[in-house]
C-alpha atoms as a PDB file:
ATOM      1  CA  MET A   1     -49.493-212.373 -54.623  1.00  0.00           C
ATOM      2  CA  PHE A   2     -49.297-215.192 -52.100  1.00  0.00           C
ATOM      3  CA  TRP A   3     -50.449-214.784 -48.512  1.00  0.00           C
ATOM      4  CA  THR A   4     -50.182-217.299 -45.673  1.00  0.00           C
ATOM      5  CA  LYS A   5     -50.624-217.414 -41.916  1.00  0.00           C
ATOM      6  CA  ASN A   6     -48.600-220.618 -41.623  1.00  0.00           C
ATOM      7  CA  PRO A   7     -45.301-220.785 -43.531  1.00  0.00           C
ATOM      8  CA  ILE A   8     -44.246-224.149 -42.061  1.00  0.00           C
ATOM      9  CA  PRO A   9     -45.474-226.384 -44.942  1.00  0.00           C
ATOM     10  CA  MET A  10     -43.784-224.205 -47.562  1.00  0.00           C
ATOM     11  CA  LEU A  11     -40.361-223.734 -45.925  1.00  0.00           C
ATOM     12  CA  PRO A  12     -38.664-226.502 -47.962  1.00  0.00           C
ATOM     13  CA  ARG A  13     -39.919-224.921 -51.210  1.00  0.00           C
ATOM     14  CA  LEU A  14     -39.596-221.240 -50.304  1.00  0.00           C
ATOM     15  CA  SER A  15     -37.240-220.523 -53.196  1.00  0.00           C
ATOM     16  CA  GLU A  16     -40.071-221.274 -55.627  1.00  0.00           C
ATOM     17  CA  LEU A  17     -41.698-218.016 -54.512  1.00  0.00           C
ATOM     18  CA  ASP A  18     -38.671-215.845 -55.350  1.00  0.00           C
ATOM     19  CA  ALA A  19     -40.401-214.335 -58.374  1.00  0.00           C
ATOM     20  CA  TYR A  20     -43.500-213.356 -56.390  1.00  0.00           C
ATOM     21  CA  LYS A  21     -44.409-210.911 -53.672  1.00  0.00           C
ATOM     22  CA  TYR A  22     -45.687-212.671 -50.609  1.00  0.00           C
ATOM     23  CA  TYR A  23     -46.841-211.792 -47.130  1.00  0.00           C
ATOM     24  CA  PHE A  24     -47.077-213.652 -43.851  1.00  0.00           C
ATOM     25  CA  GLN A  25     -49.742-212.972 -41.267  1.00  0.00           C
ATOM     26  CA  CYS A  26     -49.024-214.115 -37.726  1.00  0.00           C
ATOM     27  CA  TYR A  27     -52.142-215.029 -35.760  1.00  0.00           C
ATOM     28  CA  GLY A  28     -52.508-217.168 -32.699  1.00  0.00           C
ATOM     29  CA  LYS A  29     -55.001-219.854 -31.740  1.00  0.00           C
ATOM     30  CA  ASP A  30     -57.212-217.165 -30.241  1.00  0.00           C
ATOM     31  CA  MET A  31     -58.165-216.124 -33.800  1.00  0.00           C
ATOM     32  CA  GLU A  32     -57.374-219.246 -35.850  1.00  0.00           C
ATOM     33  CA  THR A  33     -57.927-222.475 -33.937  1.00  0.00           C
ATOM     34  CA  ASN A  34     -56.324-224.738 -36.570  1.00  0.00           C
ATOM     35  CA  LEU A  35     -52.934-222.994 -36.689  1.00  0.00           C
ATOM     36  CA  PRO A  36     -49.826-224.459 -35.032  1.00  0.00           C
ATOM     37  CA  ASP A  37     -48.635-222.990 -31.735  1.00  0.00           C
ATOM     38  CA  LYS A  38     -47.603-219.362 -32.266  1.00  0.00           C
ATOM     39  CA  LYS A  39     -44.605-219.172 -29.921  1.00  0.00           C
ATOM     40  CA  GLY A  40     -43.405-222.730 -30.366  1.00  0.00           C
ATOM     41  CA  GLN A  41     -43.807-223.148 -34.129  1.00  0.00           C
ATOM     42  CA  LEU A  42     -45.048-220.147 -36.095  1.00  0.00           C
ATOM     43  CA  ILE A  43     -42.669-217.454 -34.815  1.00  0.00           C
ATOM     44  CA  PRO A  44     -39.599-219.691 -35.315  1.00  0.00           C
ATOM     45  CA  ALA A  45     -40.877-220.486 -38.820  1.00  0.00           C
ATOM     46  CA  PHE A  46     -41.255-216.776 -39.630  1.00  0.00           C
ATOM     47  CA  HIS A  47     -37.713-216.173 -38.343  1.00  0.00           C
ATOM     48  CA  SER A  48     -36.487-218.935 -40.621  1.00  0.00           C
ATOM     49  CA  VAL A  49     -38.153-217.292 -43.623  1.00  0.00           C
ATOM     50  CA  MET A  50     -36.599-213.927 -42.808  1.00  0.00           C
ATOM     51  CA  LYS A  51     -33.134-215.463 -42.434  1.00  0.00           C
ATOM     52  CA  LYS A  52     -33.471-217.263 -45.762  1.00  0.00           C
ATOM     53  CA  LYS A  53     -34.596-214.080 -47.473  1.00  0.00           C
ATOM     54  CA  HIS A  54     -32.006-211.848 -45.728  1.00  0.00           C
ATOM     55  CA  ARG A  55     -34.533-209.419 -44.353  1.00  0.00           C
ATOM     56  CA  SER A  56     -34.269-207.806 -40.970  1.00  0.00           C
ATOM     57  CA  LEU A  57     -36.726-208.855 -38.289  1.00  0.00           C
END
């Protein structure tokens, strides 16, 4: 199992995870100070993952 709070670095290689179950956790800077901006970067990145994997949001 693979788990990440920031999918941005892995977006170009997302297909390499096709054989695995993986989960994304969406936190903001209030809980994780080193994460990118939630509304400006993380949420769009999560939407991109869902579109690539054909899952409903």
